[in-house]
């Protein structure tokens, strides 16, 4: 019995050795950088696409002309969402392509006000989302949002 099992194992191992490796093709990666990011010399891409998945960098409620928009969480959230929408559009995507968002709030107590603006950008289903309080966002922002989309 042991000889039969050992023979079967040897045959199986030999068969495995003759099977060619099935290496997947390397991912096609494409970087998109907003002109304002290029001009500012930021050391990151606005979005990176790999095999149909698009990873958007964290966005703030800024404009190239004015920097961080004044007025607190509501206008900042609106501008942040508009900035994300512009990145999506530049990549031939829209909010329906977004599958996950991560939200960083300078004050988690502003979560309800943030939500009131955030939900106006979606029709139908919302993406999965995490929201957390952060101690200090770039430029003194109240909100930063990063997203993952699928082509």
N, C-alpha and C. Protein backbone atom coordinates (compact mmCIF):
# COMPACT_ATOMS: atom_id res chain seq x y z
N UNK A 1 0.82 -1.19 0.00
CA UNK A 1 0.00 0.00 0.00
C UNK A 1 0.87 1.27 0.00
N UNK A 2 1.94 1.26 0.83
CA UNK A 2 2.83 2.41 0.89
C UNK A 2 3.52 2.65 -0.44
N UNK A 3 3.88 1.61 -1.12
CA UNK A 3 4.55 1.74 -2.40
C UNK A 3 3.62 2.35 -3.44
N UNK A 4 2.34 1.97 -3.40
CA UNK A 4 1.36 2.52 -4.33
C UNK A 4 1.17 4.01 -4.06
N UNK A 5 1.01 4.41 -2.80
CA UNK A 5 0.85 5.82 -2.45
C UNK A 5 2.09 6.62 -2.81
N UNK A 6 3.26 6.06 -2.52
CA UNK A 6 4.50 6.74 -2.86
C UNK A 6 4.63 6.90 -4.37
N UNK A 7 4.26 5.88 -5.13
CA UNK A 7 4.30 5.96 -6.60
C UNK A 7 3.33 7.02 -7.10
N UNK A 8 2.14 7.06 -6.52
CA UNK A 8 1.14 8.05 -6.93
C UNK A 8 1.64 9.46 -6.62
N UNK A 9 2.28 9.65 -5.47
CA UNK A 9 2.82 10.94 -5.11
C UNK A 9 3.92 11.36 -6.09
N UNK A 10 4.79 10.44 -6.43
CA UNK A 10 5.86 10.75 -7.38
C UNK A 10 5.30 11.12 -8.74
N UNK A 11 4.27 10.40 -9.20
CA UNK A 11 3.65 10.72 -10.48
C UNK A 11 3.01 12.10 -10.40
N UNK A 12 2.33 12.41 -9.29
CA UNK A 12 1.69 13.72 -9.12
C UNK A 12 2.73 14.84 -9.12
N UNK A 13 3.81 14.64 -8.39
CA UNK A 13 4.85 15.66 -8.34
C UNK A 13 5.50 15.85 -9.70
N UNK A 14 5.71 14.78 -10.41
CA UNK A 14 6.31 14.88 -11.74
C UNK A 14 5.37 15.64 -12.67
N UNK A 15 4.07 15.40 -12.53
CA UNK A 15 3.10 16.10 -13.38
C UNK A 15 3.11 17.59 -13.07
N UNK A 16 3.25 17.93 -11.81
CA UNK A 16 3.26 19.34 -11.42
C UNK A 16 4.49 20.04 -11.99
N UNK A 17 5.60 19.35 -12.04
CA UNK A 17 6.81 19.96 -12.55
C UNK A 17 6.71 20.29 -14.03
N UNK A 18 5.91 19.54 -14.76
CA UNK A 18 5.83 19.77 -16.20
C UNK A 18 4.79 20.81 -16.57
N UNK A 19 3.98 21.26 -15.63
CA UNK A 19 2.97 22.28 -15.90
C UNK A 19 3.66 23.62 -15.97
N UNK A 20 3.54 24.36 -17.07
CA UNK A 20 4.21 25.66 -17.16
C UNK A 20 3.62 26.66 -16.18
N UNK A 21 4.46 27.55 -15.69
CA UNK A 21 3.98 28.59 -14.77
C UNK A 21 2.99 29.48 -15.50
N UNK A 22 1.93 29.85 -14.82
CA UNK A 22 0.88 30.69 -15.42
C UNK A 22 1.01 32.09 -14.85
N UNK A 23 2.07 32.78 -15.21
CA UNK A 23 2.30 34.13 -14.70
C UNK A 23 1.32 35.10 -15.34
N UNK A 24 0.62 35.88 -14.52
CA UNK A 24 -0.29 36.88 -15.10
C UNK A 24 0.52 37.99 -15.75
N UNK A 25 -0.07 38.62 -16.73
CA UNK A 25 0.58 39.75 -17.38
C UNK A 25 0.70 40.90 -16.38
N UNK A 26 1.74 41.69 -16.46
CA UNK A 26 1.87 42.82 -15.53
C UNK A 26 0.72 43.81 -15.72
N UNK A 27 0.35 44.43 -14.63
CA UNK A 27 -0.74 45.40 -14.67
C UNK A 27 -0.36 46.60 -15.54
N UNK A 28 -1.32 47.07 -16.31
CA UNK A 28 -1.12 48.32 -17.03
C UNK A 28 -1.42 49.45 -16.06
N UNK A 29 -0.47 50.32 -15.86
CA UNK A 29 -0.63 51.41 -14.89
C UNK A 29 -0.56 52.74 -15.63
N UNK A 30 -1.54 53.60 -15.34
CA UNK A 30 -1.62 54.92 -15.97
C UNK A 30 -1.78 55.96 -14.87
N UNK A 31 -0.98 57.02 -14.96
CA UNK A 31 -1.03 58.10 -13.98
C UNK A 31 -1.72 59.32 -14.60
N UNK A 32 -2.55 59.97 -13.81
CA UNK A 32 -3.19 61.22 -14.21
C UNK A 32 -2.79 62.26 -13.17
N UNK A 33 -2.27 63.37 -13.63
CA UNK A 33 -1.87 64.45 -12.71
C UNK A 33 -2.53 65.74 -13.17
N UNK A 34 -3.31 66.35 -12.29
CA UNK A 34 -3.94 67.63 -12.61
C UNK A 34 -2.87 68.68 -12.88
N UNK A 35 -3.17 69.61 -13.77
CA UNK A 35 -2.23 70.68 -14.08
C UNK A 35 -1.82 71.44 -12.83
N UNK A 36 -2.78 71.70 -11.96
CA UNK A 36 -2.46 72.45 -10.73
C UNK A 36 -1.47 71.66 -9.86
N UNK A 37 -1.58 70.34 -9.85
CA UNK A 37 -0.64 69.51 -9.08
C UNK A 37 0.75 69.57 -9.70
N UNK A 38 0.79 69.55 -11.05
CA UNK A 38 2.08 69.65 -11.75
C UNK A 38 2.74 70.98 -11.43
N UNK A 39 1.97 72.06 -11.55
CA UNK A 39 2.51 73.41 -11.32
C UNK A 39 3.00 73.58 -9.89
N UNK A 40 2.28 72.97 -8.94
CA UNK A 40 2.67 73.08 -7.54
C UNK A 40 3.84 72.15 -7.20
N UNK A 41 4.14 71.20 -8.09
CA UNK A 41 5.23 70.27 -7.84
C UNK A 41 4.92 69.22 -6.80
N UNK A 42 3.62 68.90 -6.64
CA UNK A 42 3.25 67.88 -5.65
C UNK A 42 3.87 66.54 -6.02
N UNK A 43 4.35 65.80 -5.03
CA UNK A 43 5.02 64.53 -5.30
C UNK A 43 4.05 63.33 -5.34
N UNK A 44 2.90 63.51 -5.98
CA UNK A 44 1.94 62.41 -6.11
C UNK A 44 1.04 62.66 -7.30
N UNK A 45 0.38 61.60 -7.76
CA UNK A 45 -0.56 61.69 -8.88
C UNK A 45 -1.95 61.97 -8.35
N UNK A 46 -2.77 62.62 -9.17
CA UNK A 46 -4.18 62.86 -8.80
C UNK A 46 -4.94 61.56 -8.77
N UNK A 47 -4.60 60.68 -9.72
CA UNK A 47 -5.23 59.37 -9.80
C UNK A 47 -4.27 58.41 -10.50
N UNK A 48 -4.35 57.15 -10.10
CA UNK A 48 -3.56 56.10 -10.73
C UNK A 48 -4.51 54.96 -11.07
N UNK A 49 -4.42 54.50 -12.33
CA UNK A 49 -5.26 53.39 -12.77
C UNK A 49 -4.40 52.16 -12.97
N UNK A 50 -4.84 51.05 -12.42
CA UNK A 50 -4.18 49.76 -12.59
C UNK A 50 -5.26 48.72 -12.86
N UNK A 51 -5.24 48.16 -14.05
CA UNK A 51 -6.20 47.11 -14.45
C UNK A 51 -7.65 47.50 -14.21
N UNK A 52 -8.00 48.73 -14.55
CA UNK A 52 -9.39 49.17 -14.44
C UNK A 52 -9.78 49.70 -13.08
N UNK A 53 -8.91 49.61 -12.10
CA UNK A 53 -9.15 50.20 -10.77
C UNK A 53 -8.48 51.55 -10.75
N UNK A 54 -9.21 52.58 -10.30
CA UNK A 54 -8.68 53.93 -10.26
C UNK A 54 -8.62 54.37 -8.80
N UNK A 55 -7.43 54.72 -8.36
CA UNK A 55 -7.20 55.15 -6.99
C UNK A 55 -6.99 56.66 -7.02
N UNK A 56 -7.93 57.40 -6.44
CA UNK A 56 -7.85 58.85 -6.43
C UNK A 56 -7.15 59.31 -5.16
N UNK A 57 -6.24 60.24 -5.32
CA UNK A 57 -5.54 60.82 -4.17
C UNK A 57 -6.54 61.57 -3.30
N UNK A 58 -6.20 61.77 -2.06
CA UNK A 58 -7.05 62.57 -1.18
C UNK A 58 -7.23 63.97 -1.74
N UNK A 59 -8.45 64.44 -1.72
CA UNK A 59 -8.79 65.78 -2.22
C UNK A 59 -9.20 66.67 -1.06
N UNK A 60 -8.86 67.93 -1.19
CA UNK A 60 -9.28 68.96 -0.25
C UNK A 60 -10.22 69.92 -0.96
N UNK A 61 -10.85 70.77 -0.19
CA UNK A 61 -11.75 71.77 -0.75
C UNK A 61 -11.00 73.01 -1.19
N UNK A 62 -10.14 72.85 -2.19
CA UNK A 62 -9.33 73.96 -2.67
C UNK A 62 -9.64 74.29 -4.12
N UNK A 63 -9.31 75.52 -4.50
CA UNK A 63 -9.34 75.92 -5.91
C UNK A 63 -7.95 76.48 -6.22
N UNK A 64 -7.52 76.39 -7.50
CA UNK A 64 -6.19 76.93 -7.84
C UNK A 64 -6.09 78.43 -7.56
N UNK A 65 -7.19 79.15 -7.70
CA UNK A 65 -7.17 80.60 -7.52
C UNK A 65 -7.16 81.04 -6.07
N UNK A 66 -7.94 80.35 -5.24
CA UNK A 66 -8.16 80.84 -3.88
C UNK A 66 -7.59 79.96 -2.78
N UNK A 67 -7.07 78.80 -3.13
CA UNK A 67 -6.61 77.88 -2.09
C UNK A 67 -7.82 77.25 -1.41
N UNK A 68 -7.72 77.05 -0.12
CA UNK A 68 -8.81 76.44 0.65
C UNK A 68 -10.01 77.39 0.67
N UNK A 69 -11.19 76.87 0.27
CA UNK A 69 -12.37 77.73 0.23
C UNK A 69 -12.79 78.09 1.66
N UNK A 70 -13.25 79.33 1.87
CA UNK A 70 -13.67 79.75 3.20
C UNK A 70 -15.08 79.25 3.52
N UNK A 71 -15.42 79.29 4.80
CA UNK A 71 -16.80 79.04 5.19
C UNK A 71 -17.04 77.77 5.98
N UNK A 72 -16.03 76.94 6.18
CA UNK A 72 -16.22 75.76 7.01
C UNK A 72 -16.55 74.49 6.25
N UNK A 73 -17.11 73.56 6.98
CA UNK A 73 -17.27 72.19 6.49
C UNK A 73 -18.15 72.08 5.25
N UNK A 74 -19.28 72.81 5.18
CA UNK A 74 -20.17 72.65 4.03
C UNK A 74 -19.53 73.10 2.72
N UNK A 75 -19.02 74.33 2.62
CA UNK A 75 -18.39 74.73 1.36
C UNK A 75 -17.14 73.91 1.04
N UNK A 76 -16.38 73.53 2.07
CA UNK A 76 -15.20 72.71 1.82
C UNK A 76 -15.60 71.34 1.26
N UNK A 77 -16.64 70.75 1.84
CA UNK A 77 -17.10 69.45 1.35
C UNK A 77 -17.57 69.57 -0.10
N UNK A 78 -18.33 70.61 -0.40
CA UNK A 78 -18.83 70.81 -1.77
C UNK A 78 -17.66 70.95 -2.74
N UNK A 79 -16.66 71.75 -2.39
CA UNK A 79 -15.51 71.93 -3.28
C UNK A 79 -14.69 70.63 -3.39
N UNK A 80 -14.55 69.92 -2.29
CA UNK A 80 -13.84 68.64 -2.32
C UNK A 80 -14.53 67.68 -3.27
N UNK A 81 -15.85 67.58 -3.16
CA UNK A 81 -16.61 66.67 -4.03
C UNK A 81 -16.53 67.14 -5.49
N UNK A 82 -16.56 68.45 -5.72
CA UNK A 82 -16.40 68.97 -7.08
C UNK A 82 -15.02 68.62 -7.64
N UNK A 83 -13.99 68.69 -6.81
CA UNK A 83 -12.64 68.34 -7.24
C UNK A 83 -12.56 66.86 -7.60
N UNK A 84 -13.18 66.02 -6.80
CA UNK A 84 -13.21 64.58 -7.10
C UNK A 84 -13.96 64.34 -8.40
N UNK A 85 -15.09 65.01 -8.55
CA UNK A 85 -15.90 64.87 -9.76
C UNK A 85 -15.09 65.26 -11.00
N UNK A 86 -14.27 66.29 -10.91
CA UNK A 86 -13.43 66.72 -12.03
C UNK A 86 -12.39 65.66 -12.37
N UNK A 87 -11.80 65.04 -11.35
CA UNK A 87 -10.83 63.96 -11.59
C UNK A 87 -11.51 62.76 -12.22
N UNK A 88 -12.69 62.43 -11.74
CA UNK A 88 -13.45 61.32 -12.35
C UNK A 88 -13.74 61.62 -13.82
N UNK A 89 -14.25 62.82 -14.09
CA UNK A 89 -14.60 63.20 -15.47
C UNK A 89 -13.38 63.18 -16.38
N UNK A 90 -12.24 63.63 -15.88
CA UNK A 90 -11.02 63.64 -16.68
C UNK A 90 -10.58 62.22 -17.05
N UNK A 91 -11.07 61.25 -16.32
CA UNK A 91 -10.75 59.84 -16.57
C UNK A 91 -11.95 59.09 -17.14
N UNK A 92 -12.92 59.84 -17.71
CA UNK A 92 -14.13 59.27 -18.31
C UNK A 92 -14.92 58.40 -17.33
N UNK A 93 -15.02 58.90 -16.10
CA UNK A 93 -15.76 58.21 -15.04
C UNK A 93 -16.76 59.16 -14.42
N UNK A 94 -17.66 58.63 -13.59
CA UNK A 94 -18.58 59.46 -12.84
C UNK A 94 -18.80 58.82 -11.47
N UNK A 95 -19.69 59.39 -10.69
CA UNK A 95 -19.91 58.91 -9.32
C UNK A 95 -20.38 57.46 -9.28
N UNK A 96 -21.03 56.98 -10.34
CA UNK A 96 -21.48 55.58 -10.37
C UNK A 96 -20.31 54.60 -10.41
N UNK A 97 -19.13 55.06 -10.80
CA UNK A 97 -17.95 54.21 -10.84
C UNK A 97 -17.25 54.10 -9.49
N UNK A 98 -17.59 54.98 -8.55
CA UNK A 98 -16.92 55.00 -7.25
C UNK A 98 -17.44 53.86 -6.38
N UNK A 99 -16.50 53.05 -5.88
CA UNK A 99 -16.88 51.90 -5.06
C UNK A 99 -16.54 52.09 -3.59
N UNK A 100 -15.60 53.01 -3.27
CA UNK A 100 -15.20 53.20 -1.88
C UNK A 100 -14.66 54.61 -1.70
N UNK A 101 -15.05 55.24 -0.60
CA UNK A 101 -14.50 56.54 -0.21
C UNK A 101 -14.00 56.45 1.23
N UNK A 102 -12.92 57.13 1.49
CA UNK A 102 -12.43 57.28 2.86
C UNK A 102 -12.44 58.77 3.16
N UNK A 103 -13.08 59.13 4.25
CA UNK A 103 -13.29 60.53 4.62
C UNK A 103 -12.52 60.83 5.90
N UNK A 104 -11.75 61.88 5.87
CA UNK A 104 -11.02 62.35 7.04
C UNK A 104 -11.61 63.70 7.43
N UNK A 105 -12.07 63.80 8.65
CA UNK A 105 -12.67 65.04 9.16
C UNK A 105 -11.80 65.61 10.28
N UNK A 106 -11.53 66.90 10.22
CA UNK A 106 -10.75 67.54 11.28
C UNK A 106 -11.50 67.48 12.60
N UNK A 107 -12.83 67.47 12.53
CA UNK A 107 -13.67 67.37 13.73
C UNK A 107 -14.81 66.42 13.42
N UNK A 108 -14.79 65.25 14.02
CA UNK A 108 -15.81 64.23 13.74
C UNK A 108 -17.21 64.73 14.11
N UNK A 109 -17.30 65.76 14.93
CA UNK A 109 -18.61 66.34 15.26
C UNK A 109 -19.25 66.99 14.03
N UNK A 110 -18.46 67.27 12.99
CA UNK A 110 -18.99 67.86 11.76
C UNK A 110 -19.50 66.81 10.77
N UNK A 111 -19.49 65.55 11.19
CA UNK A 111 -19.93 64.45 10.34
C UNK A 111 -21.35 64.64 9.81
N UNK A 112 -22.33 65.04 10.63
CA UNK A 112 -23.69 65.24 10.08
C UNK A 112 -23.74 66.33 8.99
N UNK A 113 -23.06 67.45 9.20
CA UNK A 113 -23.05 68.52 8.20
C UNK A 113 -22.34 68.05 6.93
N UNK A 114 -21.26 67.32 7.09
CA UNK A 114 -20.55 66.75 5.94
C UNK A 114 -21.50 65.85 5.14
N UNK A 115 -22.21 64.96 5.84
CA UNK A 115 -23.13 64.02 5.18
C UNK A 115 -24.20 64.72 4.35
N UNK A 116 -24.69 65.84 4.83
CA UNK A 116 -25.75 66.56 4.10
C UNK A 116 -25.27 66.97 2.72
N UNK A 117 -24.02 67.39 2.61
CA UNK A 117 -23.47 67.77 1.30
C UNK A 117 -23.10 66.53 0.51
N UNK A 118 -22.41 65.60 1.12
CA UNK A 118 -21.90 64.38 0.47
C UNK A 118 -23.01 63.63 -0.27
N UNK A 119 -24.15 63.44 0.39
CA UNK A 119 -25.20 62.61 -0.21
C UNK A 119 -25.83 63.24 -1.44
N UNK A 120 -25.66 64.54 -1.65
CA UNK A 120 -26.25 65.19 -2.82
C UNK A 120 -25.51 64.84 -4.11
N UNK A 121 -24.35 64.23 -4.02
CA UNK A 121 -23.55 63.89 -5.20
C UNK A 121 -23.87 62.51 -5.76
N UNK A 122 -24.72 61.77 -5.09
CA UNK A 122 -25.02 60.41 -5.51
C UNK A 122 -26.51 60.25 -5.80
N UNK A 123 -26.80 59.46 -6.81
CA UNK A 123 -28.19 59.07 -7.09
C UNK A 123 -28.21 57.56 -7.00
N UNK A 124 -29.17 57.03 -6.27
CA UNK A 124 -29.22 55.57 -6.13
C UNK A 124 -28.29 55.08 -5.05
N UNK A 125 -27.39 54.18 -5.44
CA UNK A 125 -26.50 53.54 -4.48
C UNK A 125 -25.33 54.42 -4.09
N UNK A 126 -24.93 54.30 -2.83
CA UNK A 126 -23.75 54.99 -2.34
C UNK A 126 -22.57 54.01 -2.36
N UNK A 127 -21.35 54.53 -2.49
CA UNK A 127 -20.19 53.64 -2.37
C UNK A 127 -19.99 53.25 -0.91
N UNK A 128 -19.21 52.21 -0.68
CA UNK A 128 -18.79 51.89 0.68
C UNK A 128 -17.98 53.09 1.18
N UNK A 129 -17.99 53.30 2.50
CA UNK A 129 -17.32 54.49 3.01
C UNK A 129 -16.85 54.28 4.43
N UNK A 130 -15.72 54.87 4.73
CA UNK A 130 -15.22 54.99 6.10
C UNK A 130 -15.08 56.47 6.38
N UNK A 131 -15.35 56.87 7.61
CA UNK A 131 -15.17 58.27 8.02
C UNK A 131 -14.49 58.26 9.39
N UNK A 132 -13.49 59.11 9.52
CA UNK A 132 -12.79 59.15 10.78
C UNK A 132 -12.32 60.56 11.09
N UNK A 133 -12.15 60.82 12.36
CA UNK A 133 -11.63 62.10 12.78
C UNK A 133 -10.11 62.09 12.65
N UNK A 134 -9.55 63.19 12.22
CA UNK A 134 -8.10 63.30 12.02
C UNK A 134 -7.58 64.52 12.76
N UNK A 135 -6.42 64.39 13.29
CA UNK A 135 -5.80 65.49 14.01
C UNK A 135 -4.85 66.22 13.07
N UNK A 136 -5.38 67.18 12.34
CA UNK A 136 -4.55 67.98 11.45
C UNK A 136 -4.57 67.48 10.02
N UNK A 137 -5.26 68.19 9.16
CA UNK A 137 -5.27 67.92 7.72
C UNK A 137 -4.44 68.98 7.02
N UNK A 138 -3.95 68.66 5.83
CA UNK A 138 -3.14 69.61 5.07
C UNK A 138 -3.88 70.93 4.89
N UNK A 139 -3.15 72.02 4.92
CA UNK A 139 -3.66 73.38 4.72
C UNK A 139 -4.71 73.81 5.74
N UNK A 140 -4.83 73.07 6.84
CA UNK A 140 -5.84 73.39 7.85
C UNK A 140 -7.25 73.06 7.40
N UNK A 141 -7.37 72.12 6.46
CA UNK A 141 -8.68 71.75 5.92
C UNK A 141 -9.56 71.10 6.98
N UNK A 142 -10.87 71.16 6.74
CA UNK A 142 -11.86 70.51 7.61
C UNK A 142 -12.16 69.10 7.14
N UNK A 143 -11.92 68.81 5.82
CA UNK A 143 -12.26 67.51 5.25
C UNK A 143 -11.27 67.15 4.15
N UNK A 144 -10.98 65.87 4.06
CA UNK A 144 -10.21 65.29 2.95
C UNK A 144 -10.88 63.97 2.59
N UNK A 145 -11.01 63.72 1.29
CA UNK A 145 -11.67 62.50 0.82
C UNK A 145 -10.81 61.85 -0.24
N UNK A 146 -10.62 60.54 -0.11
CA UNK A 146 -9.97 59.76 -1.16
C UNK A 146 -10.95 58.68 -1.60
N UNK A 147 -10.86 58.30 -2.87
CA UNK A 147 -11.83 57.36 -3.44
C UNK A 147 -11.13 56.29 -4.27
N UNK A 148 -11.82 55.19 -4.42
CA UNK A 148 -11.44 54.12 -5.33
C UNK A 148 -12.60 53.93 -6.29
N UNK A 149 -12.30 53.88 -7.58
CA UNK A 149 -13.33 53.69 -8.60
C UNK A 149 -12.96 52.49 -9.46
N UNK A 150 -13.94 51.96 -10.16
CA UNK A 150 -13.72 50.83 -11.08
C UNK A 150 -14.26 51.20 -12.44
N UNK A 151 -13.44 51.03 -13.47
CA UNK A 151 -13.85 51.33 -14.82
C UNK A 151 -14.86 50.28 -15.27
